């Protein structure tokens, strides 16, 4: 099983949605955890709402810090924001470090409906990237080839 860690700053929106989607779609192939360099107090309610629209129940989740995770062995570490990329600690075993940067939907302004739409767009971008990741033979690709593929996936709109 491939172990994937998804990092962002607050672990309240992008990384939580990515973890939820990857858990659902990669069950049996990947073990996934998300965390934040400065975890927020709660998962953003619009992230929970956007996940509920695709039948993922994510209520009750709590943002997690990186404490202890830097001592675990990961095959892939994906950062979804620039701050987490900069704060990315050293991980044993030389995991692939990949950046899938994207705007933070939690910073959206406007009406509740407009802000929810921003979360939907973020969810769909993450879904496309995760689907592309899971279409790869991730268990069999050599690290260099996997790194190239995952970097290219991170550029997908």
N, C-alpha and C. Protein backbone atom coordinates (compact mmCIF):
# COMPACT_ATOMS: atom_id res chain seq x y z
N UNK A 1 0.84 -1.18 0.00
CA UNK A 1 0.00 0.00 0.00
C UNK A 1 0.89 1.24 0.00
N UNK A 2 0.54 2.20 -0.84
CA UNK A 2 1.30 3.44 -0.96
C UNK A 2 0.82 4.41 0.12
N UNK A 3 1.77 4.97 0.87
CA UNK A 3 1.44 5.91 1.95
C UNK A 3 1.62 7.34 1.45
N UNK A 4 0.55 8.14 1.54
CA UNK A 4 0.55 9.50 1.03
C UNK A 4 0.18 10.46 2.16
N UNK A 5 0.98 11.51 2.31
CA UNK A 5 0.72 12.58 3.26
C UNK A 5 0.41 13.84 2.46
N UNK A 6 -0.70 14.50 2.78
CA UNK A 6 -1.09 15.74 2.10
C UNK A 6 -0.97 16.88 3.10
N UNK A 7 -0.17 17.88 2.74
CA UNK A 7 0.10 19.00 3.65
C UNK A 7 -0.42 20.32 3.11
N UNK A 8 -0.92 21.14 4.02
CA UNK A 8 -1.20 22.55 3.72
C UNK A 8 -0.98 23.32 5.01
N UNK A 9 -1.34 24.56 5.03
CA UNK A 9 -1.10 25.36 6.23
C UNK A 9 -2.10 25.04 7.33
N UNK A 10 -3.39 25.23 7.05
CA UNK A 10 -4.40 25.10 8.10
C UNK A 10 -5.04 23.74 8.25
N UNK A 11 -4.88 22.87 7.24
CA UNK A 11 -5.52 21.56 7.23
C UNK A 11 -7.02 21.70 7.49
N UNK A 12 -7.62 22.73 6.87
CA UNK A 12 -9.05 22.95 7.09
C UNK A 12 -9.87 22.90 5.80
N UNK A 13 -9.23 22.94 4.64
CA UNK A 13 -9.99 22.98 3.39
C UNK A 13 -9.36 22.07 2.33
N UNK A 14 -8.34 22.56 1.61
CA UNK A 14 -7.78 21.81 0.48
C UNK A 14 -7.27 20.43 0.88
N UNK A 15 -6.44 20.36 1.91
CA UNK A 15 -5.86 19.07 2.29
C UNK A 15 -6.93 18.13 2.85
N UNK A 16 -7.92 18.68 3.54
CA UNK A 16 -9.01 17.84 4.05
C UNK A 16 -9.82 17.25 2.90
N UNK A 17 -10.14 18.09 1.90
CA UNK A 17 -10.89 17.58 0.75
C UNK A 17 -10.08 16.55 -0.03
N UNK A 18 -8.78 16.82 -0.20
CA UNK A 18 -7.93 15.86 -0.90
C UNK A 18 -7.87 14.53 -0.16
N UNK A 19 -7.72 14.60 1.16
CA UNK A 19 -7.69 13.36 1.94
C UNK A 19 -9.00 12.59 1.78
N UNK A 20 -10.12 13.28 1.89
CA UNK A 20 -11.42 12.62 1.79
C UNK A 20 -11.60 11.95 0.43
N UNK A 21 -11.27 12.65 -0.64
CA UNK A 21 -11.42 12.10 -1.98
C UNK A 21 -10.48 10.92 -2.21
N UNK A 22 -9.25 11.05 -1.74
CA UNK A 22 -8.28 9.98 -1.93
C UNK A 22 -8.62 8.76 -1.08
N UNK A 23 -9.14 8.96 0.11
CA UNK A 23 -9.58 7.83 0.94
C UNK A 23 -10.70 7.07 0.23
N UNK A 24 -11.65 7.82 -0.31
CA UNK A 24 -12.79 7.17 -0.99
C UNK A 24 -12.34 6.44 -2.25
N UNK A 25 -11.61 7.14 -3.11
CA UNK A 25 -11.30 6.59 -4.42
C UNK A 25 -10.10 5.65 -4.42
N UNK A 26 -9.22 5.80 -3.44
CA UNK A 26 -8.01 4.97 -3.40
C UNK A 26 -8.05 3.87 -2.36
N UNK A 27 -9.22 3.59 -1.83
CA UNK A 27 -9.34 2.56 -0.79
C UNK A 27 -8.73 1.25 -1.27
N UNK A 28 -7.86 0.68 -0.45
CA UNK A 28 -7.19 -0.56 -0.79
C UNK A 28 -5.88 -0.38 -1.53
N UNK A 29 -5.64 0.82 -2.05
CA UNK A 29 -4.39 1.10 -2.77
C UNK A 29 -3.50 2.08 -2.04
N UNK A 30 -4.12 3.02 -1.32
CA UNK A 30 -3.34 4.05 -0.64
C UNK A 30 -3.78 4.19 0.80
N UNK A 31 -2.84 4.59 1.62
CA UNK A 31 -3.13 5.04 2.98
C UNK A 31 -2.84 6.53 2.96
N UNK A 32 -3.80 7.34 3.35
CA UNK A 32 -3.63 8.79 3.23
C UNK A 32 -3.95 9.48 4.55
N UNK A 33 -3.14 10.49 4.84
CA UNK A 33 -3.32 11.35 6.01
C UNK A 33 -3.09 12.77 5.53
N UNK A 34 -3.83 13.72 6.12
CA UNK A 34 -3.56 15.13 5.83
C UNK A 34 -3.20 15.84 7.12
N UNK A 35 -2.44 16.92 6.98
CA UNK A 35 -2.01 17.68 8.15
C UNK A 35 -1.69 19.11 7.72
N UNK A 36 -1.50 19.97 8.72
CA UNK A 36 -1.18 21.37 8.45
C UNK A 36 0.00 21.84 9.25
N UNK A 37 0.75 22.78 8.68
CA UNK A 37 1.90 23.34 9.40
C UNK A 37 1.44 24.23 10.55
N UNK A 38 0.27 24.84 10.41
CA UNK A 38 -0.36 25.63 11.48
C UNK A 38 -1.85 25.31 11.45
N UNK A 39 -2.25 24.18 12.03
CA UNK A 39 -3.63 23.73 11.88
C UNK A 39 -4.66 24.72 12.44
N UNK A 40 -5.74 24.84 11.70
CA UNK A 40 -6.86 25.69 12.11
C UNK A 40 -7.61 25.03 13.26
N UNK A 41 -8.57 25.74 13.81
CA UNK A 41 -9.36 25.22 14.92
C UNK A 41 -10.38 24.18 14.46
N UNK A 42 -10.83 24.29 13.20
CA UNK A 42 -11.87 23.38 12.71
C UNK A 42 -11.76 23.22 11.20
N UNK A 43 -12.31 22.14 10.69
CA UNK A 43 -12.42 21.97 9.25
C UNK A 43 -13.45 22.98 8.77
N UNK A 44 -13.16 23.64 7.67
CA UNK A 44 -14.06 24.68 7.15
C UNK A 44 -15.42 24.06 6.82
N UNK A 45 -16.50 24.67 7.29
CA UNK A 45 -17.83 24.11 7.04
C UNK A 45 -18.18 24.00 5.55
N UNK A 46 -17.64 24.88 4.72
CA UNK A 46 -17.92 24.77 3.28
C UNK A 46 -17.14 23.62 2.64
N UNK A 47 -16.02 23.23 3.21
CA UNK A 47 -15.32 22.02 2.74
C UNK A 47 -16.19 20.81 3.05
N UNK A 48 -16.75 20.78 4.25
CA UNK A 48 -17.63 19.68 4.64
C UNK A 48 -18.86 19.64 3.72
N UNK A 49 -19.42 20.81 3.42
CA UNK A 49 -20.59 20.88 2.53
C UNK A 49 -20.25 20.42 1.12
N UNK A 50 -19.10 20.85 0.60
CA UNK A 50 -18.70 20.44 -0.75
C UNK A 50 -18.47 18.94 -0.83
N UNK A 51 -17.92 18.35 0.22
CA UNK A 51 -17.72 16.90 0.25
C UNK A 51 -19.06 16.17 0.36
N UNK A 52 -19.98 16.72 1.13
CA UNK A 52 -21.30 16.09 1.28
C UNK A 52 -22.01 16.00 -0.07
N UNK A 53 -21.76 16.97 -0.95
CA UNK A 53 -22.39 16.95 -2.28
C UNK A 53 -21.95 15.76 -3.13
N UNK A 54 -20.80 15.17 -2.79
CA UNK A 54 -20.33 13.98 -3.51
C UNK A 54 -20.36 12.76 -2.57
N UNK A 55 -21.29 12.81 -1.64
CA UNK A 55 -21.57 11.69 -0.74
C UNK A 55 -20.40 11.28 0.15
N UNK A 56 -19.64 12.25 0.60
CA UNK A 56 -18.58 11.98 1.58
C UNK A 56 -18.96 12.70 2.87
N UNK A 57 -19.19 11.93 3.92
CA UNK A 57 -19.50 12.50 5.23
C UNK A 57 -18.18 12.81 5.92
N UNK A 58 -17.95 14.07 6.23
CA UNK A 58 -16.66 14.49 6.80
C UNK A 58 -16.85 15.29 8.09
N UNK A 59 -18.05 15.27 8.65
CA UNK A 59 -18.32 15.98 9.89
C UNK A 59 -17.49 15.36 11.01
N UNK A 60 -17.15 16.17 11.99
CA UNK A 60 -16.43 15.67 13.15
C UNK A 60 -14.93 15.57 12.97
N UNK A 61 -14.44 15.83 11.78
CA UNK A 61 -12.99 15.82 11.55
C UNK A 61 -12.36 17.04 12.19
N UNK A 62 -11.13 16.88 12.65
CA UNK A 62 -10.40 17.97 13.30
C UNK A 62 -9.09 18.17 12.56
N UNK A 63 -8.72 19.42 12.23
CA UNK A 63 -7.42 19.66 11.61
C UNK A 63 -6.29 19.09 12.47
N UNK A 64 -5.30 18.59 11.79
CA UNK A 64 -4.19 17.92 12.45
C UNK A 64 -2.89 18.64 12.14
N UNK A 65 -2.02 18.71 13.13
CA UNK A 65 -0.68 19.25 12.92
C UNK A 65 0.25 18.17 12.42
N UNK A 66 1.50 18.54 12.17
CA UNK A 66 2.47 17.59 11.64
C UNK A 66 3.23 16.84 12.73
N UNK A 67 2.92 17.13 14.00
CA UNK A 67 3.64 16.48 15.10
C UNK A 67 3.64 14.97 14.95
N UNK A 68 4.83 14.40 14.92
CA UNK A 68 5.00 12.97 14.82
C UNK A 68 5.00 12.43 13.41
N UNK A 69 4.33 13.12 12.49
CA UNK A 69 4.26 12.63 11.12
C UNK A 69 5.61 12.68 10.42
N UNK A 70 6.46 13.62 10.85
CA UNK A 70 7.77 13.75 10.20
C UNK A 70 8.69 12.58 10.54
N UNK A 71 8.30 11.75 11.51
CA UNK A 71 9.10 10.58 11.86
C UNK A 71 8.59 9.31 11.18
N UNK A 72 7.45 9.41 10.52
CA UNK A 72 6.89 8.25 9.83
C UNK A 72 7.45 8.17 8.41
N UNK A 73 7.35 6.99 7.84
CA UNK A 73 7.80 6.78 6.47
C UNK A 73 6.62 7.01 5.52
N UNK A 74 6.83 7.89 4.56
CA UNK A 74 5.82 8.20 3.56
C UNK A 74 6.41 7.91 2.19
N UNK A 75 5.58 7.42 1.28
CA UNK A 75 6.03 7.22 -0.10
C UNK A 75 5.95 8.52 -0.88
N UNK A 76 4.88 9.28 -0.61
CA UNK A 76 4.64 10.54 -1.33
C UNK A 76 4.16 11.58 -0.32
N UNK A 77 4.71 12.79 -0.41
CA UNK A 77 4.22 13.93 0.36
C UNK A 77 3.79 14.99 -0.65
N UNK A 78 2.51 15.35 -0.60
CA UNK A 78 1.95 16.33 -1.53
C UNK A 78 1.60 17.60 -0.75
N UNK A 79 2.16 18.73 -1.17
CA UNK A 79 1.77 20.01 -0.58
C UNK A 79 0.75 20.65 -1.51
N UNK A 80 -0.28 21.26 -0.92
CA UNK A 80 -1.32 21.89 -1.73
C UNK A 80 -1.34 23.41 -1.57
N UNK A 81 -0.39 23.94 -0.80
CA UNK A 81 -0.26 25.40 -0.69
C UNK A 81 1.22 25.74 -0.58
N UNK A 82 1.55 26.95 -0.98
CA UNK A 82 2.95 27.35 -1.00
C UNK A 82 3.56 27.41 0.40
N UNK A 83 2.78 27.81 1.40
CA UNK A 83 3.32 27.89 2.76
C UNK A 83 3.74 26.52 3.27
N UNK A 84 2.92 25.50 3.02
CA UNK A 84 3.27 24.15 3.47
C UNK A 84 4.50 23.65 2.72
N UNK A 85 4.61 24.03 1.47
CA UNK A 85 5.78 23.62 0.68
C UNK A 85 7.05 24.17 1.32
N UNK A 86 6.98 25.42 1.76
CA UNK A 86 8.15 26.05 2.38
C UNK A 86 8.43 25.47 3.76
N UNK A 87 7.38 25.05 4.48
CA UNK A 87 7.54 24.53 5.84
C UNK A 87 7.69 23.01 5.87
N UNK A 88 7.82 22.40 4.71
CA UNK A 88 7.87 20.94 4.63
C UNK A 88 9.11 20.42 5.35
N UNK A 89 8.92 19.60 6.38
CA UNK A 89 10.07 19.09 7.14
C UNK A 89 10.78 17.97 6.40
N UNK A 90 11.87 17.51 6.98
CA UNK A 90 12.57 16.35 6.45
C UNK A 90 11.78 15.11 6.83
N UNK A 91 11.63 14.19 5.91
CA UNK A 91 10.96 12.92 6.18
C UNK A 91 11.94 11.79 5.93
N UNK A 92 11.96 10.77 6.80
CA UNK A 92 12.87 9.64 6.58
C UNK A 92 12.46 8.85 5.34
N UNK A 93 13.40 8.16 4.76
CA UNK A 93 13.12 7.29 3.63
C UNK A 93 13.02 7.99 2.30
N UNK A 94 13.28 9.26 2.26
CA UNK A 94 13.27 10.04 1.03
C UNK A 94 11.98 9.87 0.22
N UNK A 95 10.85 10.30 0.76
CA UNK A 95 9.61 10.22 -0.02
C UNK A 95 9.65 11.20 -1.18
N UNK A 96 8.81 10.96 -2.17
CA UNK A 96 8.65 11.94 -3.24
C UNK A 96 7.96 13.17 -2.66
N UNK A 97 8.52 14.33 -2.90
CA UNK A 97 7.90 15.59 -2.46
C UNK A 97 7.33 16.26 -3.70
N UNK A 98 6.02 16.45 -3.72
CA UNK A 98 5.33 16.97 -4.89
C UNK A 98 4.47 18.16 -4.48
N UNK A 99 4.43 19.18 -5.33
CA UNK A 99 3.62 20.36 -5.03
C UNK A 99 2.42 20.43 -5.97
N UNK A 100 1.24 20.46 -5.39
CA UNK A 100 -0.01 20.63 -6.13
C UNK A 100 -0.67 21.93 -5.70
N UNK A 101 0.00 23.04 -5.89
CA UNK A 101 -0.51 24.32 -5.43
C UNK A 101 -1.84 24.69 -6.05
N UNK A 102 -2.64 25.34 -5.24
CA UNK A 102 -3.93 25.85 -5.70
C UNK A 102 -4.42 26.90 -4.73
N UNK A 103 -5.26 27.83 -5.20
CA UNK A 103 -5.76 28.88 -4.31
C UNK A 103 -6.55 28.29 -3.14
N UNK A 104 -6.51 28.98 -2.02
CA UNK A 104 -7.21 28.54 -0.83
C UNK A 104 -8.68 28.96 -0.92
N UNK A 105 -9.61 28.01 -1.01
CA UNK A 105 -11.02 28.40 -1.10
C UNK A 105 -11.52 29.08 0.17
N UNK A 106 -10.85 28.86 1.28
CA UNK A 106 -11.26 29.50 2.54
C UNK A 106 -11.09 31.02 2.49
N UNK A 107 -10.32 31.51 1.53
CA UNK A 107 -10.13 32.96 1.39
C UNK A 107 -11.16 33.60 0.47
N UNK A 108 -12.10 32.81 -0.04
CA UNK A 108 -13.12 33.33 -0.96
C UNK A 108 -14.01 34.34 -0.24
N UNK A 109 -14.46 35.32 -1.01
CA UNK A 109 -15.39 36.32 -0.49
C UNK A 109 -16.68 36.23 -1.28
N UNK A 110 -17.69 36.95 -0.83
CA UNK A 110 -18.97 36.96 -1.51
C UNK A 110 -20.04 36.31 -0.66
N UNK A 111 -21.15 36.01 -1.32
CA UNK A 111 -22.27 35.38 -0.62
C UNK A 111 -21.91 33.94 -0.25
N UNK A 112 -22.71 33.34 0.59
CA UNK A 112 -22.48 31.93 0.97
C UNK A 112 -22.50 31.05 -0.27
N UNK A 113 -23.42 31.31 -1.19
CA UNK A 113 -23.51 30.51 -2.41
C UNK A 113 -22.26 30.69 -3.28
N UNK A 114 -21.76 31.91 -3.37
CA UNK A 114 -20.56 32.16 -4.16
C UNK A 114 -19.34 31.49 -3.53
N UNK A 115 -19.25 31.55 -2.23
CA UNK A 115 -18.11 30.91 -1.54
C UNK A 115 -18.19 29.39 -1.68
N UNK A 116 -19.40 28.82 -1.57
CA UNK A 116 -19.55 27.38 -1.75
C UNK A 116 -19.12 26.98 -3.15
N UNK A 117 -19.42 27.81 -4.14
CA UNK A 117 -19.01 27.50 -5.52
C UNK A 117 -17.48 27.45 -5.63
N UNK A 118 -16.78 28.30 -4.92
CA UNK A 118 -15.31 28.27 -4.92
C UNK A 118 -14.82 26.95 -4.33
N UNK A 119 -15.46 26.48 -3.29
CA UNK A 119 -15.10 25.18 -2.70
C UNK A 119 -15.40 24.04 -3.67
N UNK A 120 -16.50 24.14 -4.40
CA UNK A 120 -16.83 23.12 -5.40
C UNK A 120 -15.74 23.05 -6.48
N UNK A 121 -15.31 24.21 -6.94
CA UNK A 121 -14.25 24.25 -7.96
C UNK A 121 -12.98 23.61 -7.42
N UNK A 122 -12.60 23.94 -6.20
CA UNK A 122 -11.40 23.34 -5.59
C UNK A 122 -11.56 21.82 -5.48
N UNK A 123 -12.75 21.38 -5.07
CA UNK A 123 -13.00 19.94 -4.96
C UNK A 123 -12.85 19.27 -6.32
N UNK A 124 -13.36 19.90 -7.37
CA UNK A 124 -13.28 19.30 -8.70
C UNK A 124 -11.85 19.26 -9.22
N UNK A 125 -11.07 20.30 -8.95
CA UNK A 125 -9.64 20.28 -9.34
C UNK A 125 -8.95 19.13 -8.62
N UNK A 126 -9.18 19.02 -7.33
CA UNK A 126 -8.56 17.93 -6.56
C UNK A 126 -9.04 16.58 -7.08
N UNK A 127 -10.31 16.46 -7.42
CA UNK A 127 -10.84 15.19 -7.93
C UNK A 127 -10.14 14.79 -9.23
N UNK A 128 -9.96 15.76 -10.13
CA UNK A 128 -9.27 15.44 -11.39
C UNK A 128 -7.84 14.98 -11.13
N UNK A 129 -7.15 15.66 -10.23
CA UNK A 129 -5.77 15.30 -9.93
C UNK A 129 -5.69 13.93 -9.26
N UNK A 130 -6.59 13.66 -8.34
CA UNK A 130 -6.58 12.37 -7.65
C UNK A 130 -6.95 11.25 -8.61
N UNK A 131 -7.89 11.48 -9.49
CA UNK A 131 -8.24 10.47 -10.50
C UNK A 131 -7.04 10.17 -11.39
N UNK A 132 -6.31 11.21 -11.77
CA UNK A 132 -5.11 11.00 -12.59
C UNK A 132 -4.04 10.24 -11.81
N UNK A 133 -3.86 10.58 -10.54
CA UNK A 133 -2.89 9.86 -9.69
C UNK A 133 -3.26 8.38 -9.62
N UNK A 134 -4.53 8.09 -9.38
CA UNK A 134 -4.95 6.70 -9.22
C UNK A 134 -4.99 5.93 -10.53
N UNK A 135 -4.96 6.64 -11.67
CA UNK A 135 -4.88 5.97 -12.97
C UNK A 135 -3.47 5.45 -13.24
N UNK A 136 -2.50 5.94 -12.48
CA UNK A 136 -1.11 5.50 -12.64
C UNK A 136 -0.88 4.18 -11.90
N UNK A 137 0.08 3.40 -12.38
CA UNK A 137 0.47 2.20 -11.62
C UNK A 137 1.41 2.61 -10.48
N UNK A 138 0.89 3.37 -9.53
CA UNK A 138 1.73 4.00 -8.50
C UNK A 138 2.53 2.99 -7.69
N UNK A 139 2.02 1.78 -7.59
CA UNK A 139 2.74 0.75 -6.82
C UNK A 139 3.98 0.24 -7.57
N UNK A 140 4.00 0.43 -8.89
CA UNK A 140 5.07 -0.16 -9.70
C UNK A 140 6.01 0.84 -10.35
N UNK A 141 5.64 2.11 -10.42
CA UNK A 141 6.50 3.09 -11.08
C UNK A 141 7.75 3.36 -10.24
N UNK A 142 8.87 3.53 -10.91
CA UNK A 142 10.08 3.89 -10.17
C UNK A 142 9.91 5.33 -9.69
N UNK A 143 10.61 5.71 -8.62
CA UNK A 143 10.41 7.04 -8.02
C UNK A 143 10.58 8.21 -8.99
N UNK A 144 11.55 8.14 -9.88
CA UNK A 144 11.76 9.26 -10.81
C UNK A 144 10.56 9.42 -11.74
N UNK A 145 10.08 8.32 -12.29
CA UNK A 145 8.93 8.38 -13.20
C UNK A 145 7.67 8.82 -12.46
N UNK A 146 7.48 8.29 -11.26
CA UNK A 146 6.31 8.68 -10.47
C UNK A 146 6.37 10.17 -10.13
N UNK A 147 7.55 10.65 -9.76
CA UNK A 147 7.71 12.06 -9.43
C UNK A 147 7.37 12.95 -10.61
N UNK A 148 7.82 12.57 -11.81
CA UNK A 148 7.50 13.35 -13.01
C UNK A 148 6.00 13.38 -13.26
N UNK A 149 5.37 12.21 -13.15
CA UNK A 149 3.93 12.13 -13.39
C UNK A 149 3.14 12.95 -12.37
N UNK A 150 3.51 12.83 -11.10
CA UNK A 150 2.79 13.56 -10.05
C UNK A 150 2.99 15.06 -10.15
N UNK A 151 4.17 15.48 -10.59
CA UNK A 151 4.42 16.90 -10.80
C UNK A 151 3.55 17.42 -11.94
N UNK A 152 3.45 16.65 -13.01
CA UNK A 152 2.60 17.05 -14.14
C UNK A 152 1.13 17.11 -13.71
N UNK A 153 0.71 16.16 -12.90
CA UNK A 153 -0.67 16.16 -12.40
C UNK A 153 -0.93 17.42 -11.58
N UNK A 154 0.06 17.87 -10.83
CA UNK A 154 -0.09 19.07 -10.02
C UNK A 154 -0.30 20.33 -10.82
N UNK A 155 -0.03 20.28 -12.12
CA UNK A 155 -0.25 21.44 -12.99
C UNK A 155 -1.63 21.41 -13.64
N UNK A 156 -2.37 20.32 -13.43
CA UNK A 156 -3.70 20.20 -14.03
C UNK A 156 -4.64 21.25 -13.44
N UNK A 157 -5.45 21.87 -14.30
CA UNK A 157 -6.43 22.85 -13.79
C UNK A 157 -7.61 22.15 -13.12
